[in-house]
Amino acid sequence: MERDRLGRRRKPGQDRGLRPLYPSLPEEWVSKVLRVAMSEADWARFEALAAGASMTTETRARAHGLVVSRLLEAAGHAKTDPDPLDWLDWERSKALRLLPGMSLSRPLS
């Protein structure tokens, strides 16, 4: 006798609870829950984009993921200067901004 994910016994031929409801994700994909608040007009635009993407995907969640991925690609990487990882990095960048003629490639010493 088989058992499902919760440990319940299933009779032979009883598929309910044993098979996943959705097709498995490709290896490089990760599924996460995302809560987003937008205006109704923005949601309508987002759903329209997802409806266009749903023709190429198996589930609505994957269509939403494709839309978000495309929007991220369109936005690009506008931020050129990464946040400092440490306060010393911040202090160094501040000193370089304040001292004329210094560059990031030259050491301070």
C-alpha atoms as a PDB file:
ATOM      1  CA  MET A   1       0.000   0.000   0.000  1.00  0.00           C
ATOM      2  CA  GLU A   2       1.320   3.439  -0.956  1.00  0.00           C
ATOM      3  CA  ARG A   3       1.418   6.533   1.219  1.00  0.00           C
ATOM      4  CA  ASP A   4       1.029  10.141   0.147  1.00  0.00           C
ATOM      5  CA  ARG A   5       3.086  13.134   1.302  1.00  0.00           C
ATOM      6  CA  LEU A   6       1.163  13.406   4.557  1.00  0.00           C
ATOM      7  CA  GLY A   7       1.589   9.722   5.374  1.00  0.00           C
ATOM      8  CA  ARG A   8      -1.971   8.708   4.535  1.00  0.00           C
ATOM      9  CA  ARG A   9      -2.420   5.221   3.120  1.00  0.00           C
ATOM     10  CA  ARG A  10      -3.706   4.967  -0.434  1.00  0.00           C
ATOM     11  CA  LYS A  11      -5.236   1.940  -2.101  1.00  0.00           C
ATOM     12  CA  PRO A  12      -3.818   0.689  -5.398  1.00  0.00           C
ATOM     13  CA  GLY A  13      -5.270   2.768  -8.236  1.00  0.00           C
ATOM     14  CA  GLN A  14      -6.110   5.690  -5.959  1.00  0.00           C
ATOM     15  CA  ASP A  15      -4.310   8.644  -7.524  1.00  0.00           C
ATOM     16  CA  ARG A  16      -5.782  11.489  -5.512  1.00  0.00           C
ATOM     17  CA  GLY A  17      -3.192  12.906  -3.139  1.00  0.00           C
ATOM     18  CA  LEU A  18      -0.306  10.986  -4.697  1.00  0.00           C
ATOM     19  CA  ARG A  19       0.355  12.951  -7.827  1.00  0.00           C
ATOM     20  CA  PRO A  20       1.288  16.621  -7.975  1.00  0.00           C
ATOM     21  CA  LEU A  21      -1.401  19.014  -9.139  1.00  0.00           C
ATOM     22  CA  TYR A  22       0.957  20.992 -11.378  1.00  0.00           C
ATOM     23  CA  PRO A  23       3.733  19.939 -13.737  1.00  0.00           C
ATOM     24  CA  SER A  24       7.197  20.055 -12.194  1.00  0.00           C
ATOM     25  CA  LEU A  25       9.299  23.169 -12.757  1.00  0.00           C
ATOM     26  CA  PRO A  26      12.398  23.196 -14.951  1.00  0.00           C
ATOM     27  CA  GLU A  27      15.606  22.723 -12.971  1.00  0.00           C
ATOM     28  CA  GLU A  28      16.707  26.381 -13.137  1.00  0.00           C
ATOM     29  CA  TRP A  29      13.322  27.729 -11.945  1.00  0.00           C
ATOM     30  CA  VAL A  30      12.383  28.465  -8.323  1.00  0.00           C
ATOM     31  CA  SER A  31       8.841  28.978  -7.067  1.00  0.00           C
ATOM     32  CA  LYS A  32       8.212  31.583  -4.352  1.00  0.00           C
ATOM     33  CA  VAL A  33       5.123  33.245  -2.975  1.00  0.00           C
ATOM     34  CA  LEU A  34       4.951  36.952  -3.744  1.00  0.00           C
ATOM     35  CA  ARG A  35       2.405  39.394  -2.358  1.00  0.00           C
ATOM     36  CA  VAL A  36       2.005  42.553  -4.442  1.00  0.00           C
ATOM     37  CA  ALA A  37      -0.277  45.567  -4.033  1.00  0.00           C
ATOM     38  CA  MET A  38      -1.097  47.722  -7.064  1.00  0.00           C
ATOM     39  CA  SER A  39      -3.916  49.847  -8.348  1.00  0.00           C
ATOM     40  CA  GLU A  40      -6.744  48.145 -10.223  1.00  0.00           C
ATOM     41  CA  ALA A  41      -5.581  49.696 -13.484  1.00  0.00           C
ATOM     42  CA  ASP A  42      -2.056  48.306 -13.006  1.00  0.00           C
ATOM     43  CA  TRP A  43      -3.470  44.870 -12.131  1.00  0.00           C
ATOM     44  CA  ALA A  44      -5.536  44.943 -15.317  1.00  0.00           C
ATOM     45  CA  ARG A  45      -2.421  45.757 -17.347  1.00  0.00           C
ATOM     46  CA  PHE A  46      -0.459  43.018 -15.561  1.00  0.00           C
ATOM     47  CA  GLU A  47      -3.194  40.437 -16.143  1.00  0.00           C
ATOM     48  CA  ALA A  48      -3.354  41.431 -19.823  1.00  0.00           C
ATOM     49  CA  LEU A  49       0.393  40.830 -20.122  1.00  0.00           C
ATOM     50  CA  ALA A  50       0.007  37.501 -18.309  1.00  0.00           C
ATOM     51  CA  ALA A  51      -2.824  36.478 -20.629  1.00  0.00           C
ATOM     52  CA  GLY A  52      -0.487  36.979 -23.574  1.00  0.00           C
ATOM     53  CA  ALA A  53       2.234  34.943 -21.888  1.00  0.00           C
ATOM     54  CA  SER A  54      -0.153  32.158 -20.862  1.00  0.00           C
ATOM     55  CA  MET A  55      -0.263  30.877 -24.431  1.00  0.00           C
ATOM     56  CA  THR A  56       3.322  29.682 -24.112  1.00  0.00           C
ATOM     57  CA  THR A  57       3.182  28.324 -20.532  1.00  0.00           C
ATOM     58  CA  GLU A  58       1.379  25.520 -18.757  1.00  0.00           C
ATOM     59  CA  THR A  59       0.141  27.394 -15.672  1.00  0.00           C
ATOM     60  CA  ARG A  60      -0.981  30.869 -14.683  1.00  0.00           C
ATOM     61  CA  ALA A  61       1.845  31.123 -12.131  1.00  0.00           C
ATOM     62  CA  ARG A  62       4.420  30.513 -14.865  1.00  0.00           C
ATOM     63  CA  ALA A  63       2.765  33.174 -17.036  1.00  0.00           C
ATOM     64  CA  HIS A  64       3.027  35.649 -14.160  1.00  0.00           C
ATOM     65  CA  GLY A  65       6.683  34.677 -13.705  1.00  0.00           C
ATOM     66  CA  LEU A  66       7.414  35.273 -17.383  1.00  0.00           C
ATOM     67  CA  VAL A  67       5.799  38.713 -17.215  1.00  0.00           C
ATOM     68  CA  VAL A  68       7.834  39.688 -14.164  1.00  0.00           C
ATOM     69  CA  SER A  69      11.026  38.349 -15.799  1.00  0.00           C
ATOM     70  CA  ARG A  70      10.358  40.344 -18.964  1.00  0.00           C
ATOM     71  CA  LEU A  71       9.680  43.504 -16.943  1.00  0.00           C
ATOM     72  CA  LEU A  72      12.947  43.008 -15.034  1.00  0.00           C
ATOM     73  CA  GLU A  73      14.846  42.590 -18.308  1.00  0.00           C
ATOM     74  CA  ALA A  74      13.216  45.719 -19.733  1.00  0.00           C
ATOM     75  CA  ALA A  75      14.128  47.713 -16.633  1.00  0.00           C
ATOM     76  CA  GLY A  76      17.754  46.638 -16.994  1.00  0.00           C
ATOM     77  CA  HIS A  77      20.332  47.270 -14.368  1.00  0.00           C
ATOM     78  CA  ALA A  78      19.863  51.003 -13.825  1.00  0.00           C
ATOM     79  CA  LYS A  79      21.819  50.971 -10.581  1.00  0.00           C
ATOM     80  CA  THR A  80      25.487  51.268 -11.517  1.00  0.00           C
ATOM     81  CA  ASP A  81      27.092  51.791  -8.111  1.00  0.00           C
ATOM     82  CA  PRO A  82      26.410  48.884  -5.754  1.00  0.00           C
ATOM     83  CA  ASP A  83      25.699  49.564  -2.103  1.00  0.00           C
ATOM     84  CA  PRO A  84      28.791  49.343   0.080  1.00  0.00           C
ATOM     85  CA  LEU A  85      29.153  45.956   1.707  1.00  0.00           C
ATOM     86  CA  ASP A  86      30.927  47.285   4.740  1.00  0.00           C
ATOM     87  CA  TRP A  87      31.260  50.622   6.501  1.00  0.00           C
ATOM     88  CA  LEU A  88      34.934  50.707   5.470  1.00  0.00           C
ATOM     89  CA  ASP A  89      33.886  50.501   1.820  1.00  0.00           C
ATOM     90  CA  TRP A  90      31.511  53.394   2.423  1.00  0.00           C
ATOM     91  CA  GLU A  91      34.237  55.436   4.142  1.00  0.00           C
ATOM     92  CA  ARG A  92      36.667  54.743   1.297  1.00  0.00           C
ATOM     93  CA  SER A  93      34.169  55.790  -1.367  1.00  0.00           C
ATOM     94  CA  LYS A  94      33.360  58.940   0.649  1.00  0.00           C
ATOM     95  CA  ALA A  95      37.061  59.824   0.906  1.00  0.00           C
ATOM     96  CA  LEU A  96      37.521  59.273  -2.815  1.00  0.00           C
ATOM     97  CA  ARG A  97      34.583  61.565  -3.568  1.00  0.00           C
ATOM     98  CA  LEU A  98      35.965  64.290  -1.311  1.00  0.00           C
ATOM     99  CA  LEU A  99      39.610  64.123  -2.407  1.00  0.00           C
ATOM    100  CA  PRO A 100      40.157  65.616  -5.856  1.00  0.00           C
ATOM    101  CA  GLY A 101      42.196  63.580  -8.338  1.00  0.00           C
ATOM    102  CA  MET A 102      41.732  60.231  -6.570  1.00  0.00           C
ATOM    103  CA  SER A 103      40.286  57.222  -8.372  1.00  0.00           C
ATOM    104  CA  LEU A 104      38.867  53.908  -7.192  1.00  0.00           C
ATOM    105  CA  SER A 105      41.721  51.989  -8.759  1.00  0.00           C
ATOM    106  CA  ARG A 106      44.450  53.802  -6.781  1.00  0.00           C
ATOM    107  CA  PRO A 107      45.081  52.782  -3.138  1.00  0.00           C
ATOM    108  CA  LEU A 108      44.673  55.446  -0.465  1.00  0.00           C
ATOM    109  CA  SER A 109      48.115  54.876   1.109  1.00  0.00           C
END
